[in-house]
N, C-alpha and C. Protein backbone atom coordinates (compact mmCIF):
# COMPACT_ATOMS: atom_id res chain seq x y z
N MET A 1 -4.28 -12.51 9.57
CA MET A 1 -3.80 -13.73 8.93
C MET A 1 -2.27 -13.74 9.05
N ALA A 2 -1.74 -14.80 9.58
CA ALA A 2 -0.28 -14.94 9.72
C ALA A 2 0.34 -15.18 8.35
N ILE A 3 1.61 -14.80 8.23
CA ILE A 3 2.28 -14.95 6.93
C ILE A 3 2.31 -16.40 6.48
N LYS A 4 2.41 -17.34 7.41
CA LYS A 4 2.43 -18.76 7.01
C LYS A 4 1.14 -19.16 6.31
N ASP A 5 0.04 -18.46 6.61
CA ASP A 5 -1.24 -18.76 5.96
C ASP A 5 -1.34 -18.16 4.57
N ARG A 6 -0.40 -17.27 4.21
CA ARG A 6 -0.42 -16.66 2.88
C ARG A 6 0.63 -17.25 1.96
N LEU A 7 1.36 -18.27 2.41
CA LEU A 7 2.43 -18.86 1.60
C LEU A 7 1.86 -19.81 0.56
N PHE A 8 2.46 -19.80 -0.62
CA PHE A 8 2.12 -20.77 -1.66
C PHE A 8 3.31 -20.93 -2.58
N THR A 9 3.32 -21.99 -3.35
CA THR A 9 4.41 -22.21 -4.29
C THR A 9 3.91 -22.06 -5.71
N LEU A 10 4.80 -21.58 -6.57
CA LEU A 10 4.50 -21.41 -7.98
C LEU A 10 5.80 -21.68 -8.73
N ASN A 11 5.77 -22.63 -9.64
CA ASN A 11 6.95 -23.00 -10.40
C ASN A 11 8.14 -23.32 -9.50
N GLY A 12 7.87 -23.94 -8.38
CA GLY A 12 8.93 -24.34 -7.47
C GLY A 12 9.45 -23.26 -6.54
N TYR A 13 8.88 -22.04 -6.61
CA TYR A 13 9.30 -20.94 -5.74
C TYR A 13 8.24 -20.68 -4.68
N LEU A 14 8.67 -20.28 -3.51
CA LEU A 14 7.77 -19.99 -2.41
C LEU A 14 7.44 -18.50 -2.41
N TYR A 15 6.16 -18.18 -2.36
CA TYR A 15 5.70 -16.80 -2.36
C TYR A 15 4.80 -16.56 -1.15
N ALA A 16 4.73 -15.30 -0.72
CA ALA A 16 3.76 -14.88 0.29
C ALA A 16 2.84 -13.87 -0.40
N MET A 17 1.57 -14.22 -0.46
CA MET A 17 0.61 -13.37 -1.16
C MET A 17 0.44 -12.04 -0.44
N ILE A 18 0.52 -10.95 -1.17
CA ILE A 18 0.32 -9.62 -0.63
C ILE A 18 -1.17 -9.33 -0.69
N ARG A 19 -1.73 -8.89 0.41
CA ARG A 19 -3.17 -8.70 0.47
C ARG A 19 -3.54 -7.25 0.78
N LYS A 20 -4.79 -6.95 0.56
CA LYS A 20 -5.35 -5.63 0.86
C LYS A 20 -5.32 -5.43 2.37
N PHE A 21 -5.08 -4.18 2.79
CA PHE A 21 -5.11 -3.88 4.22
C PHE A 21 -5.51 -2.43 4.44
N THR A 22 -5.93 -2.14 5.67
CA THR A 22 -6.32 -0.80 6.08
C THR A 22 -5.42 -0.37 7.21
N LYS A 23 -5.03 0.90 7.20
CA LYS A 23 -4.14 1.43 8.22
C LYS A 23 -4.57 2.85 8.57
N GLU A 24 -4.58 3.16 9.87
CA GLU A 24 -4.86 4.52 10.30
C GLU A 24 -3.54 5.27 10.44
N ILE A 25 -3.46 6.40 9.77
CA ILE A 25 -2.27 7.25 9.80
C ILE A 25 -2.74 8.67 10.07
N ALA A 26 -2.19 9.28 11.10
CA ALA A 26 -2.53 10.66 11.48
C ALA A 26 -4.05 10.85 11.62
N GLY A 27 -4.72 9.84 12.19
CA GLY A 27 -6.15 9.94 12.44
C GLY A 27 -7.05 9.68 11.25
N THR A 28 -6.47 9.24 10.14
CA THR A 28 -7.24 8.99 8.91
C THR A 28 -7.06 7.54 8.48
N GLN A 29 -8.16 6.89 8.07
CA GLN A 29 -8.10 5.51 7.57
C GLN A 29 -7.73 5.50 6.09
N PHE A 30 -6.72 4.73 5.75
CA PHE A 30 -6.30 4.53 4.37
C PHE A 30 -6.45 3.05 4.03
N GLU A 31 -6.96 2.77 2.85
CA GLU A 31 -7.10 1.39 2.37
C GLU A 31 -6.07 1.17 1.26
N PHE A 32 -5.26 0.14 1.41
CA PHE A 32 -4.20 -0.17 0.45
C PHE A 32 -4.56 -1.44 -0.31
N ASN A 33 -4.62 -1.33 -1.64
CA ASN A 33 -4.94 -2.47 -2.50
C ASN A 33 -3.76 -2.75 -3.41
N PRO A 34 -3.12 -3.92 -3.26
CA PRO A 34 -1.98 -4.23 -4.12
C PRO A 34 -2.42 -4.50 -5.55
N MET A 35 -1.65 -4.02 -6.50
CA MET A 35 -1.90 -4.29 -7.91
C MET A 35 -1.14 -5.53 -8.37
N ASN A 36 -0.23 -6.01 -7.55
CA ASN A 36 0.54 -7.22 -7.83
C ASN A 36 0.58 -8.00 -6.54
N ILE A 37 0.01 -9.21 -6.51
CA ILE A 37 -0.06 -9.96 -5.25
C ILE A 37 1.24 -10.67 -4.90
N LEU A 38 2.20 -10.68 -5.82
CA LEU A 38 3.45 -11.39 -5.57
C LEU A 38 4.62 -10.47 -5.26
N LYS A 39 4.54 -9.22 -5.68
CA LYS A 39 5.68 -8.32 -5.58
C LYS A 39 5.21 -6.96 -5.09
N LEU A 40 5.94 -6.39 -4.12
CA LEU A 40 5.63 -5.03 -3.68
C LEU A 40 6.04 -4.08 -4.79
N GLN A 41 5.05 -3.53 -5.47
CA GLN A 41 5.34 -2.75 -6.66
C GLN A 41 4.44 -1.53 -6.78
N LEU A 42 3.14 -1.73 -6.76
CA LEU A 42 2.18 -0.66 -6.98
C LEU A 42 0.93 -0.92 -6.14
N PHE A 43 0.46 0.14 -5.48
CA PHE A 43 -0.75 0.05 -4.67
C PHE A 43 -1.72 1.15 -5.06
N GLN A 44 -3.01 0.81 -5.08
CA GLN A 44 -4.06 1.81 -5.11
C GLN A 44 -4.33 2.14 -3.65
N VAL A 45 -4.40 3.42 -3.33
CA VAL A 45 -4.69 3.85 -1.97
C VAL A 45 -5.99 4.63 -2.00
N TYR A 46 -6.92 4.24 -1.13
CA TYR A 46 -8.21 4.91 -1.03
C TYR A 46 -8.30 5.63 0.30
N VAL A 47 -8.88 6.82 0.27
CA VAL A 47 -9.10 7.59 1.49
C VAL A 47 -10.40 8.40 1.32
N ASN A 48 -11.18 8.44 2.39
CA ASN A 48 -12.41 9.23 2.38
C ASN A 48 -12.10 10.61 2.95
N GLN A 49 -12.60 11.61 2.25
CA GLN A 49 -12.48 12.99 2.70
C GLN A 49 -13.88 13.59 2.63
N GLY A 50 -14.53 13.68 3.78
CA GLY A 50 -15.94 14.09 3.77
C GLY A 50 -16.75 13.02 3.08
N ASP A 51 -17.55 13.43 2.11
CA ASP A 51 -18.39 12.49 1.35
C ASP A 51 -17.68 11.98 0.09
N THR A 52 -16.45 12.37 -0.12
CA THR A 52 -15.72 12.00 -1.34
C THR A 52 -14.68 10.94 -1.04
N ARG A 53 -14.68 9.91 -1.87
CA ARG A 53 -13.67 8.84 -1.77
C ARG A 53 -12.62 9.11 -2.85
N HIS A 54 -11.37 9.25 -2.42
CA HIS A 54 -10.28 9.54 -3.34
C HIS A 54 -9.44 8.28 -3.55
N ARG A 55 -8.88 8.17 -4.75
CA ARG A 55 -7.95 7.08 -5.06
C ARG A 55 -6.71 7.67 -5.68
N PHE A 56 -5.56 7.25 -5.16
CA PHE A 56 -4.29 7.61 -5.76
C PHE A 56 -3.39 6.38 -5.71
N HIS A 57 -2.27 6.45 -6.37
CA HIS A 57 -1.37 5.30 -6.45
C HIS A 57 -0.05 5.57 -5.75
N MET A 58 0.50 4.51 -5.18
CA MET A 58 1.85 4.57 -4.62
C MET A 58 2.66 3.50 -5.32
N GLU A 59 3.85 3.87 -5.77
CA GLU A 59 4.71 2.91 -6.45
C GLU A 59 6.10 2.94 -5.84
N VAL A 60 6.78 1.83 -5.99
CA VAL A 60 8.12 1.70 -5.42
C VAL A 60 9.15 2.31 -6.37
N THR A 61 10.14 2.99 -5.78
CA THR A 61 11.23 3.56 -6.57
C THR A 61 12.36 2.54 -6.68
N HIS A 62 13.38 2.89 -7.45
CA HIS A 62 14.54 2.01 -7.56
C HIS A 62 15.25 1.84 -6.22
N GLU A 63 15.05 2.79 -5.31
CA GLU A 63 15.67 2.73 -3.98
C GLU A 63 14.84 1.91 -3.00
N GLY A 64 13.69 1.40 -3.43
CA GLY A 64 12.84 0.60 -2.56
C GLY A 64 11.93 1.42 -1.65
N ILE A 65 11.73 2.69 -1.99
CA ILE A 65 10.87 3.58 -1.21
C ILE A 65 9.56 3.78 -1.98
N PHE A 66 8.46 3.74 -1.27
CA PHE A 66 7.17 3.99 -1.92
C PHE A 66 6.88 5.49 -1.95
N LYS A 67 6.50 5.97 -3.13
CA LYS A 67 6.18 7.37 -3.36
C LYS A 67 4.78 7.48 -3.96
N ILE A 68 4.14 8.61 -3.76
CA ILE A 68 2.85 8.86 -4.39
C ILE A 68 3.13 9.10 -5.88
N ALA A 69 2.56 8.24 -6.71
CA ALA A 69 2.85 8.27 -8.15
C ALA A 69 2.07 9.37 -8.87
N ASP A 70 0.93 9.72 -8.35
CA ASP A 70 0.06 10.70 -9.01
C ASP A 70 -0.43 11.73 -8.00
N PRO A 71 0.45 12.63 -7.55
CA PRO A 71 0.08 13.57 -6.49
C PRO A 71 -1.13 14.44 -6.82
N VAL A 72 -1.45 14.62 -8.08
CA VAL A 72 -2.61 15.42 -8.46
C VAL A 72 -3.91 14.75 -7.99
N ASN A 73 -3.91 13.44 -7.82
CA ASN A 73 -5.11 12.71 -7.38
C ASN A 73 -5.18 12.53 -5.87
N CYS A 74 -4.11 12.88 -5.17
CA CYS A 74 -4.07 12.76 -3.71
C CYS A 74 -4.48 14.10 -3.10
N PRO A 75 -5.44 14.09 -2.18
CA PRO A 75 -5.80 15.36 -1.52
C PRO A 75 -4.55 16.00 -0.91
N ALA A 76 -4.41 17.29 -1.09
CA ALA A 76 -3.21 18.03 -0.68
C ALA A 76 -2.86 17.82 0.79
N GLU A 77 -3.86 17.68 1.64
CA GLU A 77 -3.58 17.53 3.07
C GLU A 77 -2.88 16.20 3.40
N TYR A 78 -2.93 15.23 2.48
CA TYR A 78 -2.30 13.94 2.72
C TYR A 78 -0.93 13.80 2.06
N LEU A 79 -0.56 14.73 1.21
CA LEU A 79 0.75 14.67 0.56
C LEU A 79 1.91 14.61 1.56
N PRO A 80 1.84 15.35 2.67
CA PRO A 80 2.94 15.27 3.65
C PRO A 80 3.05 13.90 4.34
N LEU A 81 2.04 13.05 4.19
CA LEU A 81 2.05 11.72 4.80
C LEU A 81 2.71 10.67 3.90
N GLU A 82 3.28 11.09 2.79
CA GLU A 82 3.86 10.15 1.82
C GLU A 82 4.80 9.14 2.48
N ALA A 83 5.72 9.59 3.30
CA ALA A 83 6.67 8.68 3.94
C ALA A 83 5.96 7.69 4.87
N ALA A 84 4.97 8.18 5.63
CA ALA A 84 4.23 7.31 6.55
C ALA A 84 3.40 6.27 5.78
N LEU A 85 2.83 6.68 4.64
CA LEU A 85 2.08 5.74 3.80
C LEU A 85 3.01 4.65 3.26
N GLY A 86 4.18 5.06 2.80
CA GLY A 86 5.17 4.09 2.31
C GLY A 86 5.62 3.14 3.39
N GLU A 87 5.84 3.66 4.59
CA GLU A 87 6.24 2.82 5.73
C GLU A 87 5.14 1.80 6.05
N ALA A 88 3.89 2.22 5.95
CA ALA A 88 2.77 1.32 6.23
C ALA A 88 2.81 0.12 5.28
N ILE A 89 3.12 0.36 4.02
CA ILE A 89 3.22 -0.73 3.05
C ILE A 89 4.36 -1.67 3.43
N LEU A 90 5.51 -1.12 3.71
CA LEU A 90 6.67 -1.95 4.04
C LEU A 90 6.49 -2.70 5.34
N ASN A 91 5.86 -2.07 6.33
CA ASN A 91 5.62 -2.73 7.61
C ASN A 91 4.58 -3.84 7.49
N GLU A 92 3.59 -3.66 6.65
CA GLU A 92 2.57 -4.70 6.45
C GLU A 92 3.20 -5.95 5.87
N ARG A 93 4.17 -5.76 5.01
CA ARG A 93 4.85 -6.90 4.37
C ARG A 93 5.52 -7.79 5.42
N GLU A 94 6.02 -7.19 6.49
CA GLU A 94 6.75 -7.94 7.50
C GLU A 94 5.85 -8.72 8.44
N GLN A 95 4.55 -8.42 8.44
CA GLN A 95 3.64 -9.11 9.36
C GLN A 95 3.19 -10.44 8.81
């Protein structure tokens, strides 16, 4: 879906709706679900590891970088992918 198809106005302001997306990073599929459709703020991230589906959160810092908010819920093997996961969120916004 092109960004022009996600545009809408609210109270006289133009917004682009943030939507759910899937991205492959380092050979693993991650599903990103925005918790706020108007502002890049917080995402639930889902990843399958074997038969287990894990959910952890990524939130934006004051510097505009997305970090894993709850590393205890993220499988340890994916913690080093934090920067790539954050980049995926920021890059999706530009599409």
